[in-house]
Amino acid sequence: MVKRLQVILQDSDYKEIQRIARSRHLSLASWVRQALDLARRREAIADIGRKLAVIRAAAQHDYPVSDIDRVLTEIERDAPRTRDGDPR
């Protein structure tokens, strides 16, 4: 589905964007779509960077751990059950 977006700009901003678009042999609409696409991709990259920073910071700490078989046994033992005794 295609949607239309209306943006209100000051005359000076509009003329500057129009000048840039023309210098790249693009319509104003094409230039704006490209600019929005680039901004969206940069936002996604920034999100990934923040997530990685949090993971790296967390990896610097020591957390208590247990034997994996013991953990799985406890999870299975404490898991909610249906009326016939099967795990949910």
N, C-alpha and C. Protein backbone atom coordinates (compact mmCIF):
# COMPACT_ATOMS: atom_id res chain seq x y z
N MET A 1 0.84 -1.16 0.00
CA MET A 1 0.00 0.00 0.00
C MET A 1 0.90 1.24 0.00
N VAL A 2 0.50 2.23 -0.72
CA VAL A 2 1.24 3.48 -0.83
C VAL A 2 0.55 4.53 0.03
N LYS A 3 1.33 5.29 0.77
CA LYS A 3 0.81 6.37 1.60
C LYS A 3 1.45 7.68 1.18
N ARG A 4 0.72 8.75 1.37
CA ARG A 4 1.20 10.09 1.06
C ARG A 4 1.57 10.78 2.37
N LEU A 5 2.69 11.50 2.35
CA LEU A 5 3.16 12.24 3.51
C LEU A 5 3.28 13.71 3.15
N GLN A 6 2.67 14.56 3.93
CA GLN A 6 2.76 16.00 3.69
C GLN A 6 3.65 16.60 4.76
N VAL A 7 4.64 17.38 4.34
CA VAL A 7 5.59 18.00 5.25
C VAL A 7 5.57 19.50 5.02
N ILE A 8 5.44 20.26 6.09
CA ILE A 8 5.46 21.71 6.00
C ILE A 8 6.90 22.19 6.24
N LEU A 9 7.42 22.97 5.30
CA LEU A 9 8.79 23.49 5.39
C LEU A 9 8.79 25.00 5.25
N GLN A 10 9.78 25.60 5.84
CA GLN A 10 10.01 27.02 5.59
C GLN A 10 10.46 27.16 4.13
N ASP A 11 10.17 28.31 3.52
CA ASP A 11 10.56 28.53 2.12
C ASP A 11 12.05 28.30 1.91
N SER A 12 12.86 28.78 2.83
CA SER A 12 14.32 28.65 2.68
C SER A 12 14.74 27.18 2.71
N ASP A 13 14.13 26.39 3.59
CA ASP A 13 14.45 24.95 3.66
C ASP A 13 14.01 24.25 2.38
N TYR A 14 12.82 24.57 1.92
CA TYR A 14 12.30 23.96 0.69
C TYR A 14 13.22 24.25 -0.48
N LYS A 15 13.63 25.51 -0.63
CA LYS A 15 14.51 25.89 -1.75
C LYS A 15 15.85 25.18 -1.67
N GLU A 16 16.38 25.04 -0.45
CA GLU A 16 17.67 24.36 -0.28
C GLU A 16 17.55 22.88 -0.65
N ILE A 17 16.51 22.22 -0.21
CA ILE A 17 16.30 20.81 -0.55
C ILE A 17 16.07 20.66 -2.05
N GLN A 18 15.32 21.56 -2.61
CA GLN A 18 15.05 21.53 -4.05
C GLN A 18 16.36 21.70 -4.83
N ARG A 19 17.22 22.60 -4.37
CA ARG A 19 18.51 22.82 -5.03
C ARG A 19 19.37 21.57 -4.97
N ILE A 20 19.40 20.93 -3.80
CA ILE A 20 20.19 19.70 -3.64
C ILE A 20 19.65 18.60 -4.54
N ALA A 21 18.34 18.44 -4.58
CA ALA A 21 17.73 17.41 -5.43
C ALA A 21 18.06 17.65 -6.90
N ARG A 22 17.93 18.88 -7.33
CA ARG A 22 18.25 19.19 -8.74
C ARG A 22 19.71 18.90 -9.05
N SER A 23 20.60 19.23 -8.11
CA SER A 23 22.04 19.00 -8.35
C SER A 23 22.35 17.51 -8.50
N ARG A 24 21.49 16.66 -7.98
CA ARG A 24 21.66 15.22 -8.10
C ARG A 24 20.75 14.63 -9.17
N HIS A 25 20.12 15.49 -9.94
CA HIS A 25 19.22 15.08 -11.02
C HIS A 25 18.09 14.19 -10.50
N LEU A 26 17.54 14.59 -9.35
CA LEU A 26 16.42 13.88 -8.75
C LEU A 26 15.23 14.82 -8.61
N SER A 27 14.06 14.22 -8.60
CA SER A 27 12.89 15.02 -8.24
C SER A 27 12.97 15.27 -6.74
N LEU A 28 12.26 16.27 -6.30
CA LEU A 28 12.23 16.58 -4.88
C LEU A 28 11.69 15.38 -4.09
N ALA A 29 10.64 14.75 -4.60
CA ALA A 29 10.06 13.59 -3.93
C ALA A 29 11.06 12.43 -3.83
N SER A 30 11.81 12.18 -4.91
CA SER A 30 12.81 11.11 -4.89
C SER A 30 13.89 11.39 -3.87
N TRP A 31 14.34 12.64 -3.82
CA TRP A 31 15.38 13.00 -2.86
C TRP A 31 14.88 12.81 -1.43
N VAL A 32 13.65 13.23 -1.15
CA VAL A 32 13.09 13.09 0.18
C VAL A 32 12.95 11.61 0.55
N ARG A 33 12.47 10.78 -0.38
CA ARG A 33 12.36 9.34 -0.10
C ARG A 33 13.72 8.75 0.23
N GLN A 34 14.75 9.12 -0.54
CA GLN A 34 16.10 8.62 -0.27
C GLN A 34 16.60 9.09 1.10
N ALA A 35 16.34 10.35 1.42
CA ALA A 35 16.78 10.88 2.71
C ALA A 35 16.09 10.16 3.87
N LEU A 36 14.79 9.89 3.73
CA LEU A 36 14.06 9.18 4.77
C LEU A 36 14.54 7.74 4.89
N ASP A 37 14.82 7.10 3.77
CA ASP A 37 15.33 5.73 3.79
C ASP A 37 16.68 5.67 4.51
N LEU A 38 17.56 6.61 4.20
CA LEU A 38 18.86 6.67 4.85
C LEU A 38 18.71 6.90 6.36
N ALA A 39 17.84 7.81 6.74
CA ALA A 39 17.61 8.09 8.17
C ALA A 39 17.08 6.84 8.88
N ARG A 40 16.19 6.12 8.24
CA ARG A 40 15.63 4.90 8.83
C ARG A 40 16.72 3.84 9.01
N ARG A 41 17.60 3.68 8.01
CA ARG A 41 18.68 2.71 8.13
C ARG A 41 19.67 3.10 9.21
N ARG A 42 19.97 4.39 9.32
CA ARG A 42 20.88 4.85 10.38
C ARG A 42 20.29 4.58 11.75
N GLU A 43 19.00 4.76 11.89
CA GLU A 43 18.32 4.50 13.17
C GLU A 43 18.45 3.04 13.54
N ALA A 44 18.26 2.15 12.57
CA ALA A 44 18.39 0.71 12.83
C ALA A 44 19.81 0.36 13.23
N ILE A 45 20.79 0.95 12.58
CA ILE A 45 22.19 0.69 12.93
C ILE A 45 22.49 1.18 14.33
N ALA A 46 21.95 2.35 14.69
CA ALA A 46 22.16 2.87 16.04
C ALA A 46 21.55 1.94 17.08
N ASP A 47 20.36 1.39 16.78
CA ASP A 47 19.72 0.44 17.70
C ASP A 47 20.59 -0.79 17.91
N ILE A 48 21.16 -1.30 16.84
CA ILE A 48 22.04 -2.47 16.94
C ILE A 48 23.26 -2.12 17.78
N GLY A 49 23.82 -0.93 17.56
CA GLY A 49 24.98 -0.51 18.33
C GLY A 49 24.68 -0.42 19.82
N ARG A 50 23.50 0.11 20.16
CA ARG A 50 23.11 0.19 21.57
C ARG A 50 22.94 -1.20 22.17
N LYS A 51 22.31 -2.09 21.42
CA LYS A 51 22.11 -3.46 21.92
C LYS A 51 23.45 -4.15 22.15
N LEU A 52 24.37 -4.00 21.21
CA LEU A 52 25.68 -4.62 21.36
C LEU A 52 26.43 -4.05 22.56
N ALA A 53 26.30 -2.74 22.78
CA ALA A 53 26.95 -2.11 23.93
C ALA A 53 26.42 -2.68 25.24
N VAL A 54 25.13 -2.91 25.32
CA VAL A 54 24.53 -3.48 26.53
C VAL A 54 25.02 -4.92 26.73
N ILE A 55 25.07 -5.69 25.66
CA ILE A 55 25.55 -7.08 25.76
C ILE A 55 27.01 -7.11 26.19
N ARG A 56 27.82 -6.24 25.60
CA ARG A 56 29.25 -6.19 25.98
C ARG A 56 29.42 -5.80 27.44
N ALA A 57 28.63 -4.84 27.90
CA ALA A 57 28.72 -4.42 29.30
C ALA A 57 28.30 -5.57 30.22
N ALA A 58 27.24 -6.27 29.86
CA ALA A 58 26.77 -7.39 30.69
C ALA A 58 27.80 -8.52 30.72
N ALA A 59 28.49 -8.72 29.62
CA ALA A 59 29.48 -9.80 29.55
C ALA A 59 30.69 -9.55 30.44
N GLN A 60 30.86 -8.32 30.90
CA GLN A 60 31.99 -7.99 31.76
C GLN A 60 31.78 -8.46 33.20
N HIS A 61 30.56 -8.84 33.55
CA HIS A 61 30.23 -9.22 34.92
C HIS A 61 30.22 -10.73 35.07
N ASP A 62 30.42 -11.16 36.32
CA ASP A 62 30.30 -12.58 36.64
C ASP A 62 28.91 -12.81 37.22
N TYR A 63 28.20 -13.76 36.67
CA TYR A 63 26.87 -14.10 37.15
C TYR A 63 26.90 -15.53 37.67
N PRO A 64 26.10 -15.82 38.69
CA PRO A 64 26.06 -17.20 39.18
C PRO A 64 25.48 -18.13 38.11
N VAL A 65 26.08 -19.28 37.99
CA VAL A 65 25.60 -20.27 37.03
C VAL A 65 25.44 -21.60 37.74
N SER A 66 24.71 -22.47 37.13
CA SER A 66 24.48 -23.79 37.70
C SER A 66 24.69 -24.82 36.61
N ASP A 67 24.73 -26.04 37.01
CA ASP A 67 24.84 -27.15 36.07
C ASP A 67 23.60 -27.18 35.19
N ILE A 68 23.77 -27.24 33.88
CA ILE A 68 22.65 -27.16 32.95
C ILE A 68 21.65 -28.30 33.14
N ASP A 69 22.15 -29.50 33.43
CA ASP A 69 21.24 -30.63 33.64
C ASP A 69 20.37 -30.40 34.88
N ARG A 70 20.96 -29.83 35.92
CA ARG A 70 20.19 -29.52 37.13
C ARG A 70 19.12 -28.46 36.83
N VAL A 71 19.50 -27.43 36.08
CA VAL A 71 18.55 -26.37 35.73
C VAL A 71 17.39 -26.94 34.93
N LEU A 72 17.69 -27.75 33.93
CA LEU A 72 16.63 -28.34 33.10
C LEU A 72 15.71 -29.25 33.93
N THR A 73 16.30 -30.00 34.85
CA THR A 73 15.50 -30.85 35.72
C THR A 73 14.55 -30.03 36.58
N GLU A 74 15.06 -28.92 37.13
CA GLU A 74 14.22 -28.05 37.96
C GLU A 74 13.11 -27.40 37.13
N ILE A 75 13.43 -27.00 35.94
CA ILE A 75 12.41 -26.40 35.07
C ILE A 75 11.32 -27.42 34.77
N GLU A 76 11.72 -28.63 34.41
CA GLU A 76 10.75 -29.68 34.10
C GLU A 76 9.90 -30.01 35.32
N ARG A 77 10.53 -30.09 36.49
CA ARG A 77 9.82 -30.43 37.72
C ARG A 77 8.78 -29.36 38.08
N ASP A 78 9.14 -28.09 37.89
CA ASP A 78 8.28 -26.98 38.31
C ASP A 78 7.37 -26.45 37.21
N ALA A 79 7.44 -27.03 36.02
CA ALA A 79 6.62 -26.54 34.91
C ALA A 79 5.15 -26.77 35.18
N PRO A 80 4.30 -25.83 34.76
CA PRO A 80 2.85 -26.04 34.92
C PRO A 80 2.43 -27.29 34.15
N ARG A 81 1.43 -27.96 34.66
CA ARG A 81 0.96 -29.20 34.05
C ARG A 81 -0.52 -29.09 33.71
N THR A 82 -0.93 -29.85 32.71
CA THR A 82 -2.34 -29.95 32.40
C THR A 82 -3.00 -30.90 33.40
N ARG A 83 -4.29 -31.05 33.33
CA ARG A 83 -5.00 -31.94 34.28
C ARG A 83 -4.54 -33.39 34.20
N ASP A 84 -4.13 -33.82 33.02
CA ASP A 84 -3.68 -35.21 32.89
C ASP A 84 -2.19 -35.38 33.19
N GLY A 85 -1.54 -34.29 33.68
CA GLY A 85 -0.15 -34.40 34.12
C GLY A 85 0.88 -34.06 33.07
N ASP A 86 0.46 -33.79 31.85
CA ASP A 86 1.41 -33.45 30.79
C ASP A 86 1.86 -32.00 30.95
N PRO A 87 3.13 -31.71 30.61
CA PRO A 87 3.58 -30.31 30.65
C PRO A 87 2.80 -29.47 29.64
N ARG A 88 2.57 -28.25 29.97
CA ARG A 88 1.85 -27.35 29.06
C ARG A 88 2.74 -26.93 27.92
